[in-house]
Each structure stands twice: as C-alpha cells, then as structure tokens.
C-alpha cells in the first residue's frame, strides 16, 4: 500500500514551489519597460522562455491538483486506466502520475 501522506507532503511542497515560481515569472513579464528596439527584442526572447516555463509549471500544477483530488477520493496510487497499483518507485520519480508504467507508455 502506498504511503499517501508521504506523497501528499511532496505534492504540497511542489505546489507551493510552483506557485512562487509562477508569481515570479508573472512579475518579470510585467516589469519590462524598455523603449529601445534591440532591448525589446531581447526581452521578447526572454519572455518566450519565461512563458514556456510558466506554461509547463501550470500544467504540472493541474496534475498535482488532480493527484491531490485522487488522494481525497482514496484512488491515489492506482492507475486511472487499468486500476493496477502504481509502484512506489514510479511515484518517487513522478508523484503526480495517474498511470502505471505500462499505461504511461501507451499515453506518450
């Protein structure tokens, strides 16, 4: 049986970390005020990188919230596709995963 409290703590810590990072990204994106075209071009390139990081962070937050909901429903640690128990070794690497190793391979 999976230690749900262990993974809940891991997920909550990661959620807090991502929230802080997303706020930093948002502040950075809003802080640009350069009028120089060259500087604006460099800032725009940096903004694209920040937006990509923000999008991946938001995607991970959605997955974390789904995992926390599965915990509340008593379904955490079981594959949402086949119902098999997800190995703790897999959860240690990807604690928000909804899939066992075999089903994850089919979802890529």
PDB file of N, CA and C in Angstrom:
ATOM      1  N   UNK A   1       0.841  -1.182   0.000  1.00  0.00           N
ATOM      2  CA  UNK A   1       0.000   0.000   0.000  1.00  0.00           C
ATOM      3  C   UNK A   1       0.886   1.247   0.000  1.00  0.00           C
ATOM      4  N   UNK A   2       0.468   2.256  -0.723  1.00  0.00           N
ATOM      5  CA  UNK A   2       1.221   3.490  -0.883  1.00  0.00           C
ATOM      6  C   UNK A   2       1.038   4.393   0.339  1.00  0.00           C
ATOM      7  N   UNK A   3       2.112   5.019   0.778  1.00  0.00           N
ATOM      8  CA  UNK A   3       2.067   5.974   1.880  1.00  0.00           C
ATOM      9  C   UNK A   3       1.561   7.312   1.346  1.00  0.00           C
ATOM     10  N   UNK A   4       0.250   7.510   1.399  1.00  0.00           N
ATOM     11  CA  UNK A   4      -0.389   8.688   0.821  1.00  0.00           C
ATOM     12  C   UNK A   4       0.116   9.973   1.471  1.00  0.00           C
ATOM     13  N   UNK A   5       0.310   9.965   2.783  1.00  0.00           N
ATOM     14  CA  UNK A   5       0.775  11.175   3.470  1.00  0.00           C
ATOM     15  C   UNK A   5       2.148  11.614   2.989  1.00  0.00           C
ATOM     16  N   UNK A   6       3.020  10.663   2.715  1.00  0.00           N
ATOM     17  CA  UNK A   6       4.348  10.984   2.192  1.00  0.00           C
ATOM     18  C   UNK A   6       4.216  11.742   0.876  1.00  0.00           C
ATOM     19  N   UNK A   7       3.399  11.219  -0.031  1.00  0.00           N
ATOM     20  CA  UNK A   7       3.257  11.846  -1.340  1.00  0.00           C
ATOM     21  C   UNK A   7       2.435  13.129  -1.269  1.00  0.00           C
ATOM     22  N   UNK A   8       1.495  13.201  -0.339  1.00  0.00           N
ATOM     23  CA  UNK A   8       0.736  14.452  -0.163  1.00  0.00           C
ATOM     24  C   UNK A   8       1.701  15.580   0.230  1.00  0.00           C
ATOM     25  N   UNK A   9       2.603  15.292   1.157  1.00  0.00           N
ATOM     26  CA  UNK A   9       3.581  16.304   1.575  1.00  0.00           C
ATOM     27  C   UNK A   9       4.492  16.716   0.429  1.00  0.00           C
ATOM     28  N   UNK A  10       4.925  15.749  -0.354  1.00  0.00           N
ATOM     29  CA  UNK A  10       5.775  16.041  -1.512  1.00  0.00           C
ATOM     30  C   UNK A  10       5.018  16.911  -2.505  1.00  0.00           C
ATOM     31  N   UNK A  11       3.770  16.545  -2.795  1.00  0.00           N
ATOM     32  CA  UNK A  11       2.978  17.293  -3.766  1.00  0.00           C
ATOM     33  C   UNK A  11       2.641  18.698  -3.270  1.00  0.00           C
ATOM     34  N   UNK A  12       2.323  18.837  -1.998  1.00  0.00           N
ATOM     35  CA  UNK A  12       2.016  20.158  -1.459  1.00  0.00           C
ATOM     36  C   UNK A  12       3.244  21.068  -1.483  1.00  0.00           C
ATOM     37  N   UNK A  13       4.410  20.511  -1.192  1.00  0.00           N
ATOM     38  CA  UNK A  13       5.647  21.290  -1.247  1.00  0.00           C
ATOM     39  C   UNK A  13       5.942  21.725  -2.682  1.00  0.00           C
ATOM     40  N   UNK A  14       5.754  20.817  -3.632  1.00  0.00           N
ATOM     41  CA  UNK A  14       5.987  21.153  -5.037  1.00  0.00           C
ATOM     42  C   UNK A  14       4.976  22.194  -5.517  1.00  0.00           C
ATOM     43  N   UNK A  15       3.734  22.071  -5.065  1.00  0.00           N
ATOM     44  CA  UNK A  15       2.696  23.029  -5.427  1.00  0.00           C
ATOM     45  C   UNK A  15       3.078  24.428  -4.930  1.00  0.00           C
ATOM     46  N   UNK A  16       3.548  24.514  -3.715  1.00  0.00           N
ATOM     47  CA  UNK A  16       3.963  25.795  -3.140  1.00  0.00           C
ATOM     48  C   UNK A  16       5.138  26.375  -3.930  1.00  0.00           C
ATOM     49  N   UNK A  17       6.091  25.530  -4.276  1.00  0.00           N
ATOM     50  CA  UNK A  17       7.254  25.955  -5.051  1.00  0.00           C
ATOM     51  C   UNK A  17       6.829  26.486  -6.422  1.00  0.00           C
ATOM     52  N   UNK A  18       5.932  25.768  -7.086  1.00  0.00           N
ATOM     53  CA  UNK A  18       5.470  26.197  -8.406  1.00  0.00           C
ATOM     54  C   UNK A  18       4.671  27.490  -8.329  1.00  0.00           C
ATOM     55  N   UNK A  19       3.832  27.634  -7.318  1.00  0.00           N
ATOM     56  CA  UNK A  19       3.074  28.873  -7.143  1.00  0.00           C
ATOM     57  C   UNK A  19       4.023  30.060  -7.020  1.00  0.00           C
ATOM     58  N   UNK A  20       5.052  29.925  -6.207  1.00  0.00           N
ATOM     59  CA  UNK A  20       6.028  31.001  -6.026  1.00  0.00           C
ATOM     60  C   UNK A  20       6.746  31.303  -7.342  1.00  0.00           C
ATOM     61  N   UNK A  21       7.137  30.264  -8.053  1.00  0.00           N
ATOM     62  CA  UNK A  21       7.846  30.456  -9.323  1.00  0.00           C
ATOM     63  C   UNK A  21       6.944  31.140 -10.352  1.00  0.00           C
ATOM     64  N   UNK A  22       5.684  30.747 -10.413  1.00  0.00           N
ATOM     65  CA  UNK A  22       4.764  31.351 -11.378  1.00  0.00           C
ATOM     66  C   UNK A  22       4.520  32.823 -11.058  1.00  0.00           C
ATOM     67  N   UNK A  23       4.472  33.168  -9.783  1.00  0.00           N
ATOM     68  CA  UNK A  23       4.325  34.584  -9.417  1.00  0.00           C
ATOM     69  C   UNK A  23       5.565  35.376  -9.819  1.00  0.00           C
ATOM     70  N   UNK A  24       6.746  34.785  -9.654  1.00  0.00           N
ATOM     71  CA  UNK A  24       7.976  35.443 -10.073  1.00  0.00           C
ATOM     72  C   UNK A  24       7.989  35.656 -11.579  1.00  0.00           C
ATOM     73  N   UNK A  25       7.564  34.655 -12.327  1.00  0.00           N
ATOM     74  CA  UNK A  25       7.522  34.762 -13.787  1.00  0.00           C
ATOM     75  C   UNK A  25       6.546  35.861 -14.201  1.00  0.00           C
ATOM     76  N   UNK A  26       5.396  35.887 -13.576  1.00  0.00           N
ATOM     77  CA  UNK A  26       4.400  36.905 -13.892  1.00  0.00           C
ATOM     78  C   UNK A  26       4.945  38.313 -13.621  1.00  0.00           C
ATOM     79  N   UNK A  27       5.600  38.483 -12.497  1.00  0.00           N
ATOM     80  CA  UNK A  27       6.184  39.779 -12.162  1.00  0.00           C
ATOM     81  C   UNK A  27       7.260  40.175 -13.162  1.00  0.00           C
ATOM     82  N   UNK A  28       8.073  39.221 -13.567  1.00  0.00           N
ATOM     83  CA  UNK A  28       9.130  39.501 -14.534  1.00  0.00           C
ATOM     84  C   UNK A  28       8.538  39.899 -15.886  1.00  0.00           C
ATOM     85  N   UNK A  29       7.499  39.206 -16.312  1.00  0.00           N
ATOM     86  CA  UNK A  29       6.868  39.527 -17.599  1.00  0.00           C
ATOM     87  C   UNK A  29       6.236  40.917 -17.582  1.00  0.00           C
ATOM     88  N   UNK A  30       5.744  41.332 -16.438  1.00  0.00           N
ATOM     89  CA  UNK A  30       5.095  42.644 -16.327  1.00  0.00           C
ATOM     90  C   UNK A  30       6.082  43.780 -16.108  1.00  0.00           C
ATOM     91  N   UNK A  31       7.335  43.478 -15.836  1.00  0.00           N
ATOM     92  CA  UNK A  31       8.302  44.508 -15.454  1.00  0.00           C
ATOM     93  C   UNK A  31       9.006  45.173 -16.628  1.00  0.00           C
ATOM     94  N   UNK A  32       8.862  44.679 -17.832  1.00  0.00           N
ATOM     95  CA  UNK A  32       9.595  45.234 -18.972  1.00  0.00           C
ATOM     96  C   UNK A  32       9.038  46.598 -19.365  1.00  0.00           C
ATOM     97  N   UNK A  33       9.962  47.545 -19.531  1.00  0.00           N
ATOM     98  CA  UNK A  33       9.530  48.882 -19.921  1.00  0.00           C
ATOM     99  C   UNK A  33      10.528  49.553 -20.858  1.00  0.00           C
ATOM    100  N   UNK A  34      11.361  48.783 -21.501  1.00  0.00           N
ATOM    101  CA  UNK A  34      12.379  49.341 -22.379  1.00  0.00           C
ATOM    102  C   UNK A  34      11.750  49.915 -23.646  1.00  0.00           C
ATOM    103  N   UNK A  35      12.318  51.016 -24.116  1.00  0.00           N
ATOM    104  CA  UNK A  35      11.855  51.646 -25.354  1.00  0.00           C
ATOM    105  C   UNK A  35      12.802  51.355 -26.516  1.00  0.00           C
ATOM    106  N   UNK A  36      13.968  50.836 -26.223  1.00  0.00           N
ATOM    107  CA  UNK A  36      14.966  50.544 -27.239  1.00  0.00           C
ATOM    108  C   UNK A  36      14.578  49.269 -27.982  1.00  0.00           C
ATOM    109  N   UNK A  37      14.582  49.318 -29.307  1.00  0.00           N
ATOM    110  CA  UNK A  37      14.154  48.175 -30.125  1.00  0.00           C
ATOM    111  C   UNK A  37      14.999  46.931 -29.880  1.00  0.00           C
ATOM    112  N   UNK A  38      16.309  47.119 -29.766  1.00  0.00           N
ATOM    113  CA  UNK A  38      17.183  45.967 -29.530  1.00  0.00           C
ATOM    114  C   UNK A  38      16.890  45.335 -28.175  1.00  0.00           C
ATOM    115  N   UNK A  39      16.725  46.167 -27.172  1.00  0.00           N
ATOM    116  CA  UNK A  39      16.407  45.653 -25.847  1.00  0.00           C
ATOM    117  C   UNK A  39      15.039  44.985 -25.834  1.00  0.00           C
ATOM    118  N   UNK A  40      14.096  45.567 -26.555  1.00  0.00           N
ATOM    119  CA  UNK A  40      12.761  44.962 -26.644  1.00  0.00           C
ATOM    120  C   UNK A  40      12.827  43.579 -27.294  1.00  0.00           C
ATOM    121  N   UNK A  41      13.678  43.435 -28.317  1.00  0.00           N
ATOM    122  CA  UNK A  41      13.814  42.142 -28.987  1.00  0.00           C
ATOM    123  C   UNK A  41      14.383  41.096 -28.034  1.00  0.00           C
ATOM    124  N   UNK A  42      15.399  41.483 -27.266  1.00  0.00           N
ATOM    125  CA  UNK A  42      15.994  40.562 -26.296  1.00  0.00           C
ATOM    126  C   UNK A  42      14.973  40.216 -25.212  1.00  0.00           C
ATOM    127  N   UNK A  43      14.248  41.231 -24.733  1.00  0.00           N
ATOM    128  CA  UNK A  43      13.234  40.981 -23.714  1.00  0.00           C
ATOM    129  C   UNK A  43      12.156  40.044 -24.234  1.00  0.00           C
ATOM    130  N   UNK A  44      11.780  40.209 -25.496  1.00  0.00           N
ATOM    131  CA  UNK A  44      10.744  39.346 -26.078  1.00  0.00           C
ATOM    132  C   UNK A  44      11.216  37.895 -26.135  1.00  0.00           C
ATOM    133  N   UNK A  45      12.475  37.685 -26.489  1.00  0.00           N
ATOM    134  CA  UNK A  45      13.015  36.318 -26.489  1.00  0.00           C
ATOM    135  C   UNK A  45      12.995  35.737 -25.083  1.00  0.00           C
ATOM    136  N   UNK A  46      13.391  36.542 -24.103  1.00  0.00           N
ATOM    137  CA  UNK A  46      13.370  36.086 -22.717  1.00  0.00           C
ATOM    138  C   UNK A  46      11.938  35.801 -22.262  1.00  0.00           C
ATOM    139  N   UNK A  47      10.999  36.646 -22.727  1.00  0.00           N
ATOM    140  CA  UNK A  47       9.595  36.451 -22.377  1.00  0.00           C
ATOM    141  C   UNK A  47       9.079  35.111 -22.899  1.00  0.00           C
ATOM    142  N   UNK A  48       9.504  34.731 -24.097  1.00  0.00           N
ATOM    143  CA  UNK A  48       9.068  33.453 -24.663  1.00  0.00           C
ATOM    144  C   UNK A  48       9.543  32.291 -23.801  1.00  0.00           C
ATOM    145  N   UNK A  49      10.763  32.385 -23.315  1.00  0.00           N
ATOM    146  CA  UNK A  49      11.295  31.345 -22.429  1.00  0.00           C
ATOM    147  C   UNK A  49      10.494  31.317 -21.129  1.00  0.00           C
ATOM    148  N   UNK A  50      10.267  32.501 -20.564  1.00  0.00           N
ATOM    149  CA  UNK A  50       9.504  32.580 -19.312  1.00  0.00           C
ATOM    150  C   UNK A  50       8.086  32.061 -19.503  1.00  0.00           C
ATOM    151  N   UNK A  51       7.464  32.401 -20.626  1.00  0.00           N
ATOM    152  CA  UNK A  51       6.107  31.917 -20.890  1.00  0.00           C
ATOM    153  C   UNK A  51       6.082  30.400 -21.001  1.00  0.00           C
ATOM    154  N   UNK A  52       7.112  29.830 -21.626  1.00  0.00           N
ATOM    155  CA  UNK A  52       7.207  28.370 -21.718  1.00  0.00           C
ATOM    156  C   UNK A  52       7.345  27.732 -20.342  1.00  0.00           C
ATOM    157  N   UNK A  53       8.170  28.338 -19.502  1.00  0.00           N
ATOM    158  CA  UNK A  53       8.325  27.831 -18.131  1.00  0.00           C
ATOM    159  C   UNK A  53       7.014  27.971 -17.365  1.00  0.00           C
ATOM    160  N   UNK A  54       6.330  29.084 -17.581  1.00  0.00           N
ATOM    161  CA  UNK A  54       5.048  29.293 -16.921  1.00  0.00           C
ATOM    162  C   UNK A  54       4.012  28.273 -17.352  1.00  0.00           C
ATOM    163  N   UNK A  55       3.971  27.989 -18.629  1.00  0.00           N
ATOM    164  CA  UNK A  55       3.010  27.010 -19.147  1.00  0.00           C
ATOM    165  C   UNK A  55       3.295  25.621 -18.595  1.00  0.00           C
ATOM    166  N   UNK A  56       4.560  25.234 -18.567  1.00  0.00           N
ATOM    167  CA  UNK A  56       4.876  23.903 -18.031  1.00  0.00           C
ATOM    168  C   UNK A  56       4.586  23.846 -16.539  1.00  0.00           C
ATOM    169  N   UNK A  57       4.827  24.943 -15.832  1.00  0.00           N
ATOM    170  CA  UNK A  57       4.502  24.993 -14.410  1.00  0.00           C
ATOM    171  C   UNK A  57       3.005  24.888 -14.164  1.00  0.00           C
ATOM    172  N   UNK A  58       2.220  25.571 -14.989  1.00  0.00           N
ATOM    173  CA  UNK A  58       0.760  25.498 -14.864  1.00  0.00           C
ATOM    174  C   UNK A  58       0.264  24.083 -15.161  1.00  0.00           C
ATOM    175  N   UNK A  59       0.857  23.443 -16.171  1.00  0.00           N
ATOM    176  CA  UNK A  59       0.481  22.063 -16.492  1.00  0.00           C
ATOM    177  C   UNK A  59       0.776  21.131 -15.318  1.00  0.00           C
ATOM    178  N   UNK A  60       1.939  21.321 -14.704  1.00  0.00           N
ATOM    179  CA  UNK A  60       2.293  20.480 -13.565  1.00  0.00           C
ATOM    180  C   UNK A  60       1.356  20.732 -12.382  1.00  0.00           C
ATOM    181  N   UNK A  61       0.958  21.992 -12.178  1.00  0.00           N
ATOM    182  CA  UNK A  61       0.014  22.302 -11.098  1.00  0.00           C
ATOM    183  C   UNK A  61      -1.318  21.595 -11.302  1.00  0.00           C
ATOM    184  N   UNK A  62      -1.782  21.534 -12.531  1.00  0.00           N
ATOM    185  CA  UNK A  62      -3.035  20.824 -12.837  1.00  0.00           C
ATOM    186  C   UNK A  62      -2.893  19.349 -12.464  1.00  0.00           C
ATOM    187  N   UNK A  63      -1.757  18.756 -12.795  1.00  0.00           N
ATOM    188  CA  UNK A  63      -1.517  17.348 -12.484  1.00  0.00           C
ATOM    189  C   UNK A  63      -1.429  17.123 -10.974  1.00  0.00           C
ATOM    190  N   UNK A  64      -0.805  18.064 -10.275  1.00  0.00           N
ATOM    191  CA  UNK A  64      -0.692  17.957  -8.816  1.00  0.00           C
ATOM    192  C   UNK A  64      -2.076  18.045  -8.181  1.00  0.00           C
ATOM    193  N   UNK A  65      -2.882  18.990  -8.628  1.00  0.00           N
ATOM    194  CA  UNK A  65      -4.237  19.139  -8.080  1.00  0.00           C
ATOM    195  C   UNK A  65      -5.069  17.885  -8.348  1.00  0.00           C
ATOM    196  N   UNK A  66      -4.894  17.284  -9.511  1.00  0.00           N
ATOM    197  CA  UNK A  66      -5.607  16.044  -9.817  1.00  0.00           C
ATOM    198  C   UNK A  66      -5.149  14.915  -8.903  1.00  0.00           C
ATOM    199  N   UNK A  67      -3.845  14.842  -8.636  1.00  0.00           N
ATOM    200  CA  UNK A  67      -3.321  13.809  -7.736  1.00  0.00           C
ATOM    201  C   UNK A  67      -3.845  14.010  -6.317  1.00  0.00           C
ATOM    202  N   UNK A  68      -3.900  15.271  -5.871  1.00  0.00           N
ATOM    203  CA  UNK A  68      -4.437  15.549  -4.531  1.00  0.00           C
ATOM    204  C   UNK A  68      -5.913  15.173  -4.454  1.00  0.00           C
ATOM    205  N   UNK A  69      -6.651  15.396  -5.533  1.00  0.00           N
ATOM    206  CA  UNK A  69      -8.069  15.003  -5.572  1.00  0.00           C
ATOM    207  C   UNK A  69      -8.200  13.484  -5.512  1.00  0.00           C
ATOM    208  N   UNK A  70      -7.304  12.773  -6.213  1.00  0.00           N
ATOM    209  CA  UNK A  70      -7.338  11.302  -6.154  1.00  0.00           C
ATOM    210  C   UNK A  70      -7.049  10.830  -4.742  1.00  0.00           C
ATOM    211  N   UNK A  71      -6.184  11.543  -4.032  1.00  0.00           N
ATOM    212  CA  UNK A  71      -5.903  11.191  -2.631  1.00  0.00           C
ATOM    213  C   UNK A  71      -7.167  11.342  -1.795  1.00  0.00           C
ATOM    214  N   UNK A  72      -7.850  12.460  -1.976  1.00  0.00           N
ATOM    215  CA  UNK A  72      -9.074  12.713  -1.206  1.00  0.00           C
ATOM    216  C   UNK A  72     -10.154  11.677  -1.507  1.00  0.00           C
ATOM    217  N   UNK A  73     -10.135  11.145  -2.725  1.00  0.00           N
ATOM    218  CA  UNK A  73     -11.128  10.149  -3.130  1.00  0.00           C
ATOM    219  C   UNK A  73     -10.685   8.722  -2.820  1.00  0.00           C
ATOM    220  N   UNK A  74      -9.471   8.563  -2.291  1.00  0.00           N
ATOM    221  CA  UNK A  74      -8.960   7.235  -1.973  1.00  0.00           C
ATOM    222  C   UNK A  74      -8.500   6.454  -3.185  1.00  0.00           C
ATOM    223  N   UNK A  75      -8.214   7.152  -4.266  1.00  0.00           N
ATOM    224  CA  UNK A  75      -7.817   6.484  -5.512  1.00  0.00           C
ATOM    225  C   UNK A  75      -6.356   6.701  -5.867  1.00  0.00           C
ATOM    226  N   UNK A  76      -5.631   7.443  -5.043  1.00  0.00           N
ATOM    227  CA  UNK A  76      -4.231   7.722  -5.333  1.00  0.00           C
ATOM    228  C   UNK A  76      -3.410   6.442  -5.249  1.00  0.00           C
ATOM    229  N   UNK A  77      -2.462   6.306  -6.170  1.00  0.00           N
ATOM    230  CA  UNK A  77      -1.574   5.146  -6.170  1.00  0.00           C
ATOM    231  C   UNK A  77      -2.084   4.008  -7.035  1.00  0.00           C
ATOM    232  N   UNK A  78      -3.233   4.235  -7.682  1.00  0.00           N
ATOM    233  CA  UNK A  78      -3.789   3.235  -8.593  1.00  0.00           C
ATOM    234  C   UNK A  78      -3.947   3.864  -9.963  1.00  0.00           C
ATOM    235  N   UNK A  79      -3.601   3.120 -10.979  1.00  0.00           N
ATOM    236  CA  UNK A  79      -3.660   3.593 -12.357  1.00  0.00           C
ATOM    237  C   UNK A  79      -5.101   3.927 -12.737  1.00  0.00           C
ATOM    238  N   UNK A  80      -5.292   5.114 -13.315  1.00  0.00           N
ATOM    239  CA  UNK A  80      -6.642   5.523 -13.714  1.00  0.00           C
ATOM    240  C   UNK A  80      -7.112   4.778 -14.957  1.00  0.00           C
ATOM    241  N   UNK A  81      -6.198   4.124 -15.659  1.00  0.00           N
ATOM    242  CA  UNK A  81      -6.570   3.393 -16.863  1.00  0.00           C
ATOM    243  C   UNK A  81      -6.898   1.929 -16.569  1.00  0.00           C
ATOM    244  N   UNK A  82      -5.970   1.238 -15.906  1.00  0.00           N
ATOM    245  CA  UNK A  82      -6.162  -0.202 -15.705  1.00  0.00           C
ATOM    246  C   UNK A  82      -6.483  -0.577 -14.258  1.00  0.00           C
ATOM    247  N   UNK A  83      -6.293   0.342 -13.325  1.00  0.00           N
ATOM    248  CA  UNK A  83      -6.593   0.075 -11.922  1.00  0.00           C
ATOM    249  C   UNK A  83      -5.479  -0.606 -11.152  1.00  0.00           C
ATOM    250  N   UNK A  84      -4.380  -0.921 -11.817  1.00  0.00           N
ATOM    251  CA  UNK A  84      -3.252  -1.569 -11.133  1.00  0.00           C
ATOM    252  C   UNK A  84      -2.586  -0.589 -10.171  1.00  0.00           C
ATOM    253  N   UNK A  85      -1.976  -1.133  -9.139  1.00  0.00           N
ATOM    254  CA  UNK A  85      -1.250  -0.287  -8.203  1.00  0.00           C
ATOM    255  C   UNK A  85      -0.013   0.288  -8.885  1.00  0.00           C
ATOM    256  N   UNK A  86       0.222   1.572  -8.679  1.00  0.00           N
ATOM    257  CA  UNK A  86       1.412   2.222  -9.225  1.00  0.00           C
ATOM    258  C   UNK A  86       2.549   1.974  -8.240  1.00  0.00           C
ATOM    259  N   UNK A  87       3.652   1.490  -8.738  1.00  0.00           N
ATOM    260  CA  UNK A  87       4.785   1.159  -7.879  1.00  0.00           C
ATOM    261  C   UNK A  87       5.330   2.400  -7.181  1.00  0.00           C
ATOM    262  N   UNK A  88       5.686   2.260  -5.900  1.00  0.00           N
ATOM    263  CA  UNK A  88       6.251   3.401  -5.170  1.00  0.00           C
ATOM    264  C   UNK A  88       7.490   3.976  -5.859  1.00  0.00           C
ATOM    265  N   UNK A  89       8.266   3.146  -6.526  1.00  0.00           N
ATOM    266  CA  UNK A  89       9.451   3.630  -7.238  1.00  0.00           C
ATOM    267  C   UNK A  89       9.058   4.628  -8.319  1.00  0.00           C
ATOM    268  N   UNK A  90       7.941   4.395  -8.971  1.00  0.00           N
ATOM    269  CA  UNK A  90       7.444   5.310 -10.005  1.00  0.00           C
ATOM    270  C   UNK A  90       6.920   6.590  -9.358  1.00  0.00           C
ATOM    271  N   UNK A  91       6.183   6.451  -8.272  1.00  0.00           N
ATOM    272  CA  UNK A  91       5.652   7.625  -7.574  1.00  0.00           C
ATOM    273  C   UNK A  91       6.769   8.480  -6.983  1.00  0.00           C
ATOM    274  N   UNK A  92       7.883   7.861  -6.611  1.00  0.00           N
ATOM    275  CA  UNK A  92       9.023   8.620  -6.096  1.00  0.00           C
ATOM    276  C   UNK A  92       9.584   9.555  -7.169  1.00  0.00           C
ATOM    277  N   UNK A  93       9.501   9.126  -8.425  1.00  0.00           N
ATOM    278  CA  UNK A  93      10.026   9.923  -9.534  1.00  0.00           C
ATOM    279  C   UNK A  93       8.983  10.916 -10.036  1.00  0.00           C
ATOM    280  N   UNK A  94       7.735  10.458 -10.187  1.00  0.00           N
ATOM    281  CA  UNK A  94       6.645  11.292 -10.705  1.00  0.00           C
ATOM    282  C   UNK A  94       5.450  11.140  -9.760  1.00  0.00           C
ATOM    283  N   UNK A  95       5.470  11.864  -8.638  1.00  0.00           N
ATOM    284  CA  UNK A  95       4.445  11.641  -7.618  1.00  0.00           C
ATOM    285  C   UNK A  95       3.023  11.979  -8.049  1.00  0.00           C
ATOM    286  N   UNK A  96       2.858  12.768  -9.091  1.00  0.00           N
ATOM    287  CA  UNK A  96       1.519  13.136  -9.550  1.00  0.00           C
ATOM    288  C   UNK A  96       0.995  12.237 -10.671  1.00  0.00           C
ATOM    289  N   UNK A  97       1.750  11.215 -11.026  1.00  0.00           N
ATOM    290  CA  UNK A  97       1.344  10.386 -12.156  1.00  0.00           C
ATOM    291  C   UNK A  97       0.030   9.652 -11.886  1.00  0.00           C
ATOM    292  N   UNK A  98      -0.859   9.643 -12.887  1.00  0.00           N
ATOM    293  CA  UNK A  98      -2.091   8.874 -12.741  1.00  0.00           C
ATOM    294  C   UNK A  98      -1.987   7.486 -13.376  1.00  0.00           C
ATOM    295  N   UNK A  99      -0.823   7.172 -13.951  1.00  0.00           N
ATOM    296  CA  UNK A  99      -0.666   5.942 -14.721  1.00  0.00           C
ATOM    297  C   UNK A  99       0.415   5.023 -14.169  1.00  0.00           C
ATOM    298  N   UNK A 100       0.166   3.725 -14.282  1.00  0.00           N
ATOM    299  CA  UNK A 100       1.222   2.751 -14.015  1.00  0.00           C
ATOM    300  C   UNK A 100       2.229   2.842 -15.165  1.00  0.00           C
ATOM    301  N   UNK A 101       3.333   2.170 -15.018  1.00  0.00           N
ATOM    302  CA  UNK A 101       4.396   2.227 -16.031  1.00  0.00           C
ATOM    303  C   UNK A 101       3.895   1.786 -17.393  1.00  0.00           C
ATOM    304  N   UNK A 102       3.149   0.688 -17.445  1.00  0.00           N
ATOM    305  CA  UNK A 102       2.686   0.162 -18.733  1.00  0.00           C
ATOM    306  C   UNK A 102       1.704   1.099 -19.421  1.00  0.00           C
ATOM    307  N   UNK A 103       0.758   1.633 -18.665  1.00  0.00           N
ATOM    308  CA  UNK A 103      -0.234   2.526 -19.263  1.00  0.00           C
ATOM    309  C   UNK A 103       0.394   3.871 -19.638  1.00  0.00           C
ATOM    310  N   UNK A 104       1.388   4.319 -18.876  1.00  0.00           N
ATOM    311  CA  UNK A 104       2.070   5.564 -19.202  1.00  0.00           C
ATOM    312  C   UNK A 104       2.765   5.445 -20.557  1.00  0.00           C
ATOM    313  N   UNK A 105       3.322   4.277 -20.835  1.00  0.00           N
ATOM    314  CA  UNK A 105       3.986   4.067 -22.126  1.00  0.00           C
ATOM    315  C   UNK A 105       2.998   4.200 -23.274  1.00  0.00           C
ATOM    316  N   UNK A 106       1.740   3.862 -23.033  1.00  0.00           N
ATOM    317  CA  UNK A 106       0.728   3.976 -24.087  1.00  0.00           C
ATOM    318  C   UNK A 106       0.171   5.389 -24.235  1.00  0.00           C
ATOM    319  N   UNK A 107       0.460   6.284 -23.273  1.00  0.00           N
ATOM    320  CA  UNK A 107      -0.076   7.636 -23.305  1.00  0.00           C
ATOM    321  C   UNK A 107       0.935   8.666 -23.808  1.00  0.00           C
ATOM    322  N   UNK A 108       2.082   8.218 -24.270  1.00  0.00           N
ATOM    323  CA  UNK A 108       3.088   9.166 -24.759  1.00  0.00           C
ATOM    324  C   UNK A 108       2.911   9.501 -26.202  1.00  0.00           C
TER     325      UNK A 108
END
